[in-house]
Amino acid sequence: MQIIYQSSTEGPLMGLLTEHLTLYEARCRCGCGIEKLHVPELTAQAQVLEALRADLNADPELEQYKPPGGEIRLIPMSWVRCDKHNTEVGGVALSRHRAFFCDATDISSPELPEDLLHEKAAKYFTTAIHYLGRYFVHVDRRAWPDGEVHAWVKEPSETVLPGEARA
């Protein structure tokens, strides 16, 4: 597995995991630095996100969503979390965002409607949850016992509020 850095003097914290995704984007938002211990796992997740991004930009049906001369972007909203930060944000004990797993990312795209992002993401991940009105889609690569893709929509009444459990 190769990690690409933006320059030869740059360390892993600012390095690229893929062409468009950095370790900085994958970081635990509390600033603890736990992401530096999980570069291989985060790179694996980034490679799937990169494949999704490439597919979105290659799909002729999505041309209408691209800005003039631009591309459809994927923005990681939440990626890896240390146990302490996961608890602080109300994450469930077995959250796939936890550093123990490192296989979940909440993503958004300023260019795409949420339902379309959810539909496309379900082709690349084993789990895709569209949180209506929250402006992101949760994706992860957990192995489900039935081997199927699990994709669903959470209605606003089901939307998790601050302090409640989150995936």
N, C-alpha and C. Protein backbone atom coordinates (compact mmCIF):
# COMPACT_ATOMS: atom_id res chain seq x y z
N MET A 1 0.85 -1.18 0.00
CA MET A 1 0.00 0.00 0.00
C MET A 1 0.89 1.23 0.00
N GLN A 2 0.62 2.14 -0.89
CA GLN A 2 1.42 3.34 -1.03
C GLN A 2 0.64 4.55 -0.55
N ILE A 3 1.29 5.36 0.27
CA ILE A 3 0.71 6.62 0.70
C ILE A 3 1.41 7.73 -0.08
N ILE A 4 0.64 8.55 -0.73
CA ILE A 4 1.20 9.62 -1.55
C ILE A 4 1.23 10.90 -0.71
N TYR A 5 2.38 11.55 -0.65
CA TYR A 5 2.50 12.80 0.07
C TYR A 5 2.58 13.96 -0.92
N GLN A 6 2.10 15.10 -0.50
CA GLN A 6 2.12 16.27 -1.38
C GLN A 6 3.54 16.75 -1.64
N SER A 7 4.44 16.55 -0.70
CA SER A 7 5.84 16.90 -0.90
C SER A 7 6.70 15.94 -0.10
N SER A 8 7.97 15.87 -0.41
CA SER A 8 8.85 14.92 0.28
C SER A 8 9.09 15.32 1.72
N THR A 9 8.81 16.55 2.09
CA THR A 9 9.03 17.00 3.46
C THR A 9 7.78 16.88 4.31
N GLU A 10 6.70 16.48 3.70
CA GLU A 10 5.42 16.45 4.40
C GLU A 10 5.21 15.11 5.09
N GLY A 11 4.79 15.14 6.33
CA GLY A 11 4.54 13.92 7.07
C GLY A 11 3.14 13.39 6.84
N PRO A 12 2.83 12.23 7.45
CA PRO A 12 1.54 11.59 7.22
C PRO A 12 0.33 12.42 7.61
N LEU A 13 0.45 13.32 8.58
CA LEU A 13 -0.73 14.06 9.01
C LEU A 13 -1.32 14.89 7.88
N MET A 14 -0.49 15.46 7.05
CA MET A 14 -1.00 16.28 5.95
C MET A 14 -0.98 15.54 4.63
N GLY A 15 -0.52 14.30 4.62
CA GLY A 15 -0.37 13.55 3.39
C GLY A 15 -1.69 13.16 2.74
N LEU A 16 -1.59 12.86 1.48
CA LEU A 16 -2.74 12.39 0.72
C LEU A 16 -2.94 10.90 0.96
N LEU A 17 -4.17 10.51 1.21
CA LEU A 17 -4.52 9.10 1.27
C LEU A 17 -4.80 8.59 -0.14
N THR A 18 -5.42 9.45 -0.95
CA THR A 18 -5.70 9.19 -2.37
C THR A 18 -5.50 10.51 -3.10
N GLU A 19 -5.83 10.53 -4.35
CA GLU A 19 -5.64 11.75 -5.14
C GLU A 19 -6.37 12.95 -4.57
N HIS A 20 -7.56 12.74 -3.99
CA HIS A 20 -8.38 13.86 -3.53
C HIS A 20 -8.67 13.87 -2.03
N LEU A 21 -8.22 12.88 -1.29
CA LEU A 21 -8.56 12.79 0.14
C LEU A 21 -7.30 12.75 0.99
N THR A 22 -7.30 13.57 2.04
CA THR A 22 -6.12 13.69 2.90
C THR A 22 -6.35 13.07 4.27
N LEU A 23 -5.24 12.79 4.93
CA LEU A 23 -5.32 12.30 6.30
C LEU A 23 -5.91 13.38 7.21
N TYR A 24 -5.68 14.64 6.87
CA TYR A 24 -6.27 15.73 7.64
C TYR A 24 -7.79 15.66 7.62
N GLU A 25 -8.37 15.33 6.48
CA GLU A 25 -9.83 15.20 6.39
C GLU A 25 -10.34 14.01 7.20
N ALA A 26 -9.50 13.00 7.35
CA ALA A 26 -9.90 11.79 8.08
C ALA A 26 -9.74 11.94 9.58
N ARG A 27 -9.10 13.00 10.03
CA ARG A 27 -8.71 13.15 11.43
C ARG A 27 -9.88 13.11 12.40
N CYS A 28 -9.56 12.72 13.62
CA CYS A 28 -10.53 12.84 14.72
C CYS A 28 -10.65 14.33 15.02
N ARG A 29 -11.86 14.83 15.06
CA ARG A 29 -12.08 16.27 15.20
C ARG A 29 -11.68 16.83 16.57
N CYS A 30 -11.38 15.96 17.54
CA CYS A 30 -10.94 16.48 18.84
C CYS A 30 -9.46 16.86 18.82
N GLY A 31 -8.75 16.45 17.77
CA GLY A 31 -7.35 16.82 17.64
C GLY A 31 -6.37 15.87 18.31
N CYS A 32 -6.83 14.70 18.74
CA CYS A 32 -5.97 13.76 19.47
C CYS A 32 -4.91 13.10 18.59
N GLY A 33 -5.11 13.07 17.28
CA GLY A 33 -4.13 12.49 16.37
C GLY A 33 -4.23 10.99 16.17
N ILE A 34 -5.29 10.37 16.66
CA ILE A 34 -5.42 8.91 16.55
C ILE A 34 -5.40 8.43 15.10
N GLU A 35 -5.77 9.28 14.17
CA GLU A 35 -5.78 8.88 12.75
C GLU A 35 -4.40 8.46 12.27
N LYS A 36 -3.34 9.02 12.86
CA LYS A 36 -1.98 8.68 12.44
C LYS A 36 -1.64 7.22 12.72
N LEU A 37 -2.39 6.58 13.63
CA LEU A 37 -2.15 5.17 13.96
C LEU A 37 -2.91 4.23 13.03
N HIS A 38 -3.74 4.78 12.15
CA HIS A 38 -4.64 3.95 11.34
C HIS A 38 -4.58 4.30 9.85
N VAL A 39 -3.42 4.70 9.37
CA VAL A 39 -3.28 5.11 7.97
C VAL A 39 -3.69 3.99 6.99
N PRO A 40 -3.29 2.73 7.19
CA PRO A 40 -3.71 1.70 6.23
C PRO A 40 -5.23 1.53 6.15
N GLU A 41 -5.90 1.53 7.31
CA GLU A 41 -7.36 1.38 7.32
C GLU A 41 -8.04 2.59 6.67
N LEU A 42 -7.55 3.77 6.98
CA LEU A 42 -8.13 4.99 6.42
C LEU A 42 -7.87 5.08 4.91
N THR A 43 -6.71 4.60 4.48
CA THR A 43 -6.41 4.58 3.06
C THR A 43 -7.37 3.65 2.32
N ALA A 44 -7.67 2.50 2.92
CA ALA A 44 -8.62 1.56 2.30
C ALA A 44 -9.99 2.22 2.14
N GLN A 45 -10.45 2.94 3.17
CA GLN A 45 -11.73 3.64 3.08
C GLN A 45 -11.65 4.75 2.03
N ALA A 46 -10.55 5.48 2.01
CA ALA A 46 -10.38 6.57 1.05
C ALA A 46 -10.38 6.06 -0.39
N GLN A 47 -9.84 4.88 -0.61
CA GLN A 47 -9.82 4.32 -1.96
C GLN A 47 -11.23 4.04 -2.46
N VAL A 48 -12.11 3.58 -1.58
CA VAL A 48 -13.50 3.34 -1.97
C VAL A 48 -14.20 4.67 -2.22
N LEU A 49 -13.96 5.65 -1.36
CA LEU A 49 -14.53 6.98 -1.57
C LEU A 49 -14.04 7.57 -2.90
N GLU A 50 -12.78 7.37 -3.19
CA GLU A 50 -12.21 7.88 -4.45
C GLU A 50 -12.87 7.21 -5.65
N ALA A 51 -13.14 5.92 -5.56
CA ALA A 51 -13.82 5.20 -6.65
C ALA A 51 -15.23 5.75 -6.85
N LEU A 52 -15.93 6.02 -5.74
CA LEU A 52 -17.26 6.62 -5.83
C LEU A 52 -17.18 7.99 -6.50
N ARG A 53 -16.24 8.80 -6.08
CA ARG A 53 -16.07 10.13 -6.66
C ARG A 53 -15.80 10.05 -8.16
N ALA A 54 -14.93 9.14 -8.56
CA ALA A 54 -14.62 8.97 -9.98
C ALA A 54 -15.86 8.56 -10.77
N ASP A 55 -16.65 7.66 -10.20
CA ASP A 55 -17.88 7.21 -10.86
C ASP A 55 -18.88 8.37 -11.00
N LEU A 56 -19.01 9.16 -9.96
CA LEU A 56 -19.92 10.31 -10.02
C LEU A 56 -19.52 11.26 -11.14
N ASN A 57 -18.23 11.48 -11.28
CA ASN A 57 -17.74 12.43 -12.29
C ASN A 57 -17.73 11.85 -13.70
N ALA A 58 -17.75 10.53 -13.82
CA ALA A 58 -17.76 9.89 -15.14
C ALA A 58 -19.18 9.63 -15.65
N ASP A 59 -20.17 9.73 -14.78
CA ASP A 59 -21.55 9.41 -15.14
C ASP A 59 -22.16 10.54 -15.98
N PRO A 60 -22.47 10.27 -17.25
CA PRO A 60 -23.03 11.34 -18.10
C PRO A 60 -24.37 11.87 -17.60
N GLU A 61 -25.11 11.06 -16.86
CA GLU A 61 -26.40 11.51 -16.32
C GLU A 61 -26.23 12.56 -15.23
N LEU A 62 -25.02 12.68 -14.70
CA LEU A 62 -24.78 13.64 -13.62
C LEU A 62 -24.12 14.93 -14.10
N GLU A 63 -23.91 15.05 -15.40
CA GLU A 63 -23.28 16.26 -15.96
C GLU A 63 -24.02 17.53 -15.53
N GLN A 64 -25.33 17.45 -15.42
CA GLN A 64 -26.13 18.63 -15.06
C GLN A 64 -25.79 19.18 -13.68
N TYR A 65 -25.18 18.35 -12.82
CA TYR A 65 -24.86 18.78 -11.46
C TYR A 65 -23.47 19.39 -11.34
N LYS A 66 -22.64 19.21 -12.34
CA LYS A 66 -21.28 19.73 -12.28
C LYS A 66 -21.28 21.23 -12.51
N PRO A 67 -20.52 21.97 -11.72
CA PRO A 67 -20.38 23.40 -11.99
C PRO A 67 -19.56 23.58 -13.28
N PRO A 68 -19.71 24.70 -13.96
CA PRO A 68 -18.96 24.92 -15.20
C PRO A 68 -17.46 24.72 -14.97
N GLY A 69 -16.89 23.80 -15.73
CA GLY A 69 -15.45 23.53 -15.61
C GLY A 69 -15.05 22.82 -14.34
N GLY A 70 -16.01 22.39 -13.55
CA GLY A 70 -15.69 21.77 -12.27
C GLY A 70 -16.09 20.30 -12.20
N GLU A 71 -16.00 19.78 -11.00
CA GLU A 71 -16.30 18.38 -10.75
C GLU A 71 -17.25 18.24 -9.57
N ILE A 72 -17.83 17.08 -9.47
CA ILE A 72 -18.64 16.73 -8.30
C ILE A 72 -17.67 16.37 -7.18
N ARG A 73 -17.84 17.01 -6.05
CA ARG A 73 -16.94 16.78 -4.91
C ARG A 73 -17.59 15.89 -3.87
N LEU A 74 -16.76 15.15 -3.14
CA LEU A 74 -17.19 14.43 -1.95
C LEU A 74 -16.48 15.07 -0.77
N ILE A 75 -17.24 15.49 0.21
CA ILE A 75 -16.68 16.15 1.39
C ILE A 75 -16.86 15.24 2.60
N PRO A 76 -15.77 14.77 3.20
CA PRO A 76 -15.90 13.98 4.44
C PRO A 76 -16.30 14.90 5.59
N MET A 77 -17.45 14.65 6.19
CA MET A 77 -17.94 15.46 7.31
C MET A 77 -17.45 14.91 8.65
N SER A 78 -17.38 13.60 8.75
CA SER A 78 -16.91 12.92 9.96
C SER A 78 -16.32 11.60 9.51
N TRP A 79 -15.12 11.28 10.02
CA TRP A 79 -14.48 10.06 9.58
C TRP A 79 -14.08 9.26 10.81
N VAL A 80 -12.83 9.31 11.22
CA VAL A 80 -12.42 8.50 12.38
C VAL A 80 -12.64 9.30 13.67
N ARG A 81 -12.99 8.58 14.73
CA ARG A 81 -13.17 9.19 16.06
C ARG A 81 -12.47 8.34 17.11
N CYS A 82 -11.79 8.99 18.03
CA CYS A 82 -11.29 8.27 19.20
C CYS A 82 -12.49 7.95 20.08
N ASP A 83 -12.31 7.05 21.03
CA ASP A 83 -13.43 6.66 21.90
C ASP A 83 -13.99 7.85 22.66
N LYS A 84 -13.10 8.72 23.15
CA LYS A 84 -13.56 9.88 23.93
C LYS A 84 -14.42 10.80 23.06
N HIS A 85 -13.95 11.11 21.87
CA HIS A 85 -14.70 12.01 20.98
C HIS A 85 -16.00 11.35 20.54
N ASN A 86 -15.97 10.06 20.27
CA ASN A 86 -17.19 9.35 19.88
C ASN A 86 -18.25 9.49 20.97
N THR A 87 -17.84 9.36 22.23
CA THR A 87 -18.77 9.53 23.35
C THR A 87 -19.28 10.97 23.41
N GLU A 88 -18.37 11.93 23.23
CA GLU A 88 -18.75 13.35 23.31
C GLU A 88 -19.79 13.74 22.25
N VAL A 89 -19.71 13.14 21.07
CA VAL A 89 -20.67 13.48 20.02
C VAL A 89 -21.90 12.58 20.05
N GLY A 90 -21.98 11.71 21.04
CA GLY A 90 -23.15 10.85 21.18
C GLY A 90 -23.12 9.61 20.31
N GLY A 91 -21.93 9.22 19.84
CA GLY A 91 -21.81 8.01 19.02
C GLY A 91 -22.08 6.75 19.83
N VAL A 92 -22.63 5.75 19.16
CA VAL A 92 -22.91 4.48 19.83
C VAL A 92 -21.60 3.76 20.11
N ALA A 93 -21.63 2.84 21.07
CA ALA A 93 -20.42 2.13 21.49
C ALA A 93 -19.75 1.39 20.33
N LEU A 94 -20.54 0.85 19.43
CA LEU A 94 -19.97 0.10 18.31
C LEU A 94 -19.98 0.91 17.01
N SER A 95 -19.87 2.23 17.13
CA SER A 95 -19.85 3.10 15.95
C SER A 95 -18.73 2.68 15.01
N ARG A 96 -19.03 2.62 13.74
CA ARG A 96 -18.02 2.28 12.74
C ARG A 96 -17.04 3.44 12.53
N HIS A 97 -17.33 4.61 13.08
CA HIS A 97 -16.39 5.73 13.02
C HIS A 97 -15.23 5.54 14.00
N ARG A 98 -15.44 4.74 15.03
CA ARG A 98 -14.40 4.56 16.05
C ARG A 98 -13.12 4.02 15.43
N ALA A 99 -12.00 4.42 16.00
CA ALA A 99 -10.69 4.01 15.49
C ALA A 99 -10.54 2.49 15.48
N PHE A 100 -11.30 1.80 16.29
CA PHE A 100 -11.26 0.33 16.30
C PHE A 100 -11.64 -0.23 14.93
N PHE A 101 -12.57 0.45 14.23
CA PHE A 101 -13.04 -0.02 12.93
C PHE A 101 -12.45 0.80 11.76
N CYS A 102 -12.54 2.11 11.85
CA CYS A 102 -12.03 3.03 10.80
C CYS A 102 -12.64 2.79 9.43
N ASP A 103 -13.88 2.33 9.37
CA ASP A 103 -14.45 2.04 8.04
C ASP A 103 -15.74 2.80 7.76
N ALA A 104 -15.94 3.92 8.45
CA ALA A 104 -17.15 4.72 8.23
C ALA A 104 -16.77 6.17 7.95
N THR A 105 -17.57 6.79 7.10
CA THR A 105 -17.40 8.21 6.80
C THR A 105 -18.77 8.81 6.55
N ASP A 106 -19.00 9.98 7.09
CA ASP A 106 -20.19 10.76 6.75
C ASP A 106 -19.76 11.70 5.63
N ILE A 107 -20.45 11.60 4.49
CA ILE A 107 -20.05 12.38 3.32
C ILE A 107 -21.18 13.29 2.85
N SER A 108 -20.79 14.37 2.23
CA SER A 108 -21.77 15.24 1.57
C SER A 108 -21.18 15.64 0.22
N SER A 109 -22.03 16.18 -0.62
CA SER A 109 -21.58 16.72 -1.90
C SER A 109 -22.38 17.98 -2.16
N PRO A 110 -21.71 19.13 -2.22
CA PRO A 110 -22.43 20.37 -2.48
C PRO A 110 -23.16 20.37 -3.82
N GLU A 111 -22.71 19.53 -4.74
CA GLU A 111 -23.29 19.52 -6.08
C GLU A 111 -24.48 18.59 -6.24
N LEU A 112 -24.60 17.58 -5.40
CA LEU A 112 -25.63 16.55 -5.61
C LEU A 112 -26.76 16.62 -4.58
N PRO A 113 -27.97 16.29 -5.00
CA PRO A 113 -29.05 16.10 -4.02
C PRO A 113 -28.70 14.91 -3.12
N GLU A 114 -29.08 15.00 -1.87
CA GLU A 114 -28.75 13.94 -0.90
C GLU A 114 -29.25 12.57 -1.33
N ASP A 115 -30.46 12.50 -1.87
CA ASP A 115 -31.00 11.19 -2.24
C ASP A 115 -30.20 10.55 -3.36
N LEU A 116 -29.67 11.35 -4.26
CA LEU A 116 -28.86 10.83 -5.35
C LEU A 116 -27.50 10.35 -4.84
N LEU A 117 -26.90 11.10 -3.93
CA LEU A 117 -25.64 10.68 -3.31
C LEU A 117 -25.85 9.36 -2.58
N HIS A 118 -26.95 9.23 -1.85
CA HIS A 118 -27.27 8.00 -1.13
C HIS A 118 -27.38 6.82 -2.09
N GLU A 119 -28.10 7.02 -3.16
CA GLU A 119 -28.30 5.95 -4.16
C GLU A 119 -26.97 5.50 -4.75
N LYS A 120 -26.12 6.44 -5.12
CA LYS A 120 -24.83 6.11 -5.73
C LYS A 120 -23.88 5.47 -4.71
N ALA A 121 -23.89 5.97 -3.47
CA ALA A 121 -22.99 5.44 -2.44
C ALA A 121 -23.31 3.99 -2.10
N ALA A 122 -24.58 3.61 -2.19
CA ALA A 122 -24.99 2.24 -1.87
C ALA A 122 -24.38 1.23 -2.85
N LYS A 123 -23.85 1.69 -3.96
CA LYS A 123 -23.20 0.79 -4.91
C LYS A 123 -21.75 0.50 -4.52
N TYR A 124 -21.21 1.27 -3.58
CA TYR A 124 -19.81 1.13 -3.21
C TYR A 124 -19.59 0.69 -1.77
N PHE A 125 -20.60 0.83 -0.94
CA PHE A 125 -20.44 0.53 0.48
C PHE A 125 -21.49 -0.48 0.93
N THR A 126 -21.19 -1.22 1.99
CA THR A 126 -22.15 -2.21 2.49
C THR A 126 -23.25 -1.56 3.31
N THR A 127 -23.01 -0.33 3.77
CA THR A 127 -24.02 0.42 4.51
C THR A 127 -24.07 1.84 3.96
N ALA A 128 -25.29 2.32 3.71
CA ALA A 128 -25.48 3.71 3.28
C ALA A 128 -26.76 4.21 3.95
N ILE A 129 -26.62 5.20 4.81
CA ILE A 129 -27.76 5.75 5.55
C ILE A 129 -27.92 7.21 5.17
N HIS A 130 -29.08 7.56 4.65
CA HIS A 130 -29.39 8.94 4.29
C HIS A 130 -30.16 9.56 5.45
N TYR A 131 -29.56 10.50 6.13
CA TYR A 131 -30.22 11.21 7.22
C TYR A 131 -30.92 12.43 6.61
N LEU A 132 -32.21 12.35 6.41
CA LEU A 132 -32.96 13.45 5.80
C LEU A 132 -32.79 14.74 6.59
N GLY A 133 -32.51 15.80 5.88
CA GLY A 133 -32.37 17.10 6.52
C GLY A 133 -31.08 17.31 7.27
N ARG A 134 -30.18 16.34 7.26
CA ARG A 134 -28.89 16.49 7.95
C ARG A 134 -27.75 16.78 6.97
N TYR A 135 -28.05 16.70 5.67
CA TYR A 135 -27.11 17.05 4.61
C TYR A 135 -25.86 16.17 4.54
N PHE A 136 -26.00 14.91 4.93
CA PHE A 136 -24.91 13.96 4.74
C PHE A 136 -25.46 12.56 4.60
N VAL A 137 -24.60 11.69 4.09
CA VAL A 137 -24.90 10.27 3.97
C VAL A 137 -23.81 9.52 4.73
N HIS A 138 -24.22 8.63 5.62
CA HIS A 138 -23.27 7.79 6.35
C HIS A 138 -22.98 6.57 5.47
N VAL A 139 -21.70 6.27 5.26
CA VAL A 139 -21.31 5.08 4.52
C VAL A 139 -20.28 4.30 5.34
N ASP A 140 -20.37 2.98 5.27
CA ASP A 140 -19.32 2.16 5.89
C ASP A 140 -19.18 0.84 5.16
N ARG A 141 -18.12 0.09 5.53
CA ARG A 141 -17.79 -1.15 4.85
C ARG A 141 -17.90 -2.36 5.77
N ARG A 142 -18.78 -2.29 6.77
CA ARG A 142 -18.91 -3.43 7.69
C ARG A 142 -19.37 -4.67 6.92
N ALA A 143 -19.01 -5.81 7.46
CA ALA A 143 -19.43 -7.09 6.86
C ALA A 143 -20.75 -7.51 7.51
N TRP A 144 -21.83 -7.43 6.77
CA TRP A 144 -23.13 -7.86 7.28
C TRP A 144 -23.23 -9.38 7.15
N PRO A 145 -23.85 -10.05 8.14
CA PRO A 145 -23.97 -11.52 8.08
C PRO A 145 -24.64 -12.04 6.81
N ASP A 146 -25.58 -11.29 6.27
CA ASP A 146 -26.28 -11.75 5.07
C ASP A 146 -25.53 -11.41 3.77
N GLY A 147 -24.40 -10.68 3.90
CA GLY A 147 -23.61 -10.35 2.73
C GLY A 147 -24.24 -9.32 1.81
N GLU A 148 -25.35 -8.74 2.23
CA GLU A 148 -26.08 -7.78 1.40
C GLU A 148 -25.68 -6.34 1.73
N VAL A 149 -26.05 -5.43 0.85
CA VAL A 149 -25.90 -4.01 1.11
C VAL A 149 -27.11 -3.55 1.92
N HIS A 150 -26.87 -2.79 2.96
CA HIS A 150 -27.94 -2.27 3.79
C HIS A 150 -28.00 -0.76 3.58
N ALA A 151 -29.05 -0.30 2.94
CA ALA A 151 -29.22 1.12 2.65
C ALA A 151 -30.62 1.53 3.08
N TRP A 152 -30.72 2.60 3.83
CA TRP A 152 -32.02 3.07 4.25
C TRP A 152 -31.99 4.57 4.47
N VAL A 153 -33.19 5.12 4.65
CA VAL A 153 -33.36 6.55 4.87
C VAL A 153 -33.91 6.74 6.27
N LYS A 154 -33.33 7.68 7.00
CA LYS A 154 -33.84 8.03 8.33
C LYS A 154 -34.67 9.29 8.18
N GLU A 155 -35.93 9.19 8.54
CA GLU A 155 -36.84 10.33 8.47
C GLU A 155 -36.45 11.38 9.50
N PRO A 156 -36.85 12.64 9.29
CA PRO A 156 -36.50 13.69 10.27
C PRO A 156 -36.92 13.34 11.69
N SER A 157 -38.05 12.67 11.85
CA SER A 157 -38.48 12.30 13.20
C SER A 157 -37.56 11.26 13.81
N GLU A 158 -36.81 10.55 12.96
CA GLU A 158 -35.85 9.56 13.44
C GLU A 158 -34.45 10.14 13.56
N THR A 159 -34.28 11.37 13.08
CA THR A 159 -32.97 11.97 13.08
C THR A 159 -32.47 12.11 14.50
N VAL A 160 -31.22 11.76 14.68
CA VAL A 160 -30.61 11.80 16.00
C VAL A 160 -30.33 13.24 16.40
N LEU A 161 -30.70 13.58 17.59
CA LEU A 161 -30.45 14.92 18.12
C LEU A 161 -29.18 14.92 18.95
N PRO A 162 -28.58 16.08 19.17
CA PRO A 162 -27.37 16.14 20.00
C PRO A 162 -27.62 15.46 21.34
N GLY A 163 -26.66 14.63 21.73
CA GLY A 163 -26.78 13.91 23.00
C GLY A 163 -27.39 12.54 22.86
N GLU A 164 -28.03 12.26 21.71
CA GLU A 164 -28.58 10.93 21.48
C GLU A 164 -27.53 10.07 20.78
N ALA A 165 -27.78 8.77 20.75
CA ALA A 165 -26.85 7.84 20.13
C ALA A 165 -26.81 8.04 18.62
N ARG A 166 -25.61 7.96 18.07
CA ARG A 166 -25.41 8.07 16.62
C ARG A 166 -24.61 6.87 16.15
N ALA A 167 -24.73 6.56 14.88
CA ALA A 167 -23.99 5.42 14.30
C ALA A 167 -22.51 5.71 14.23
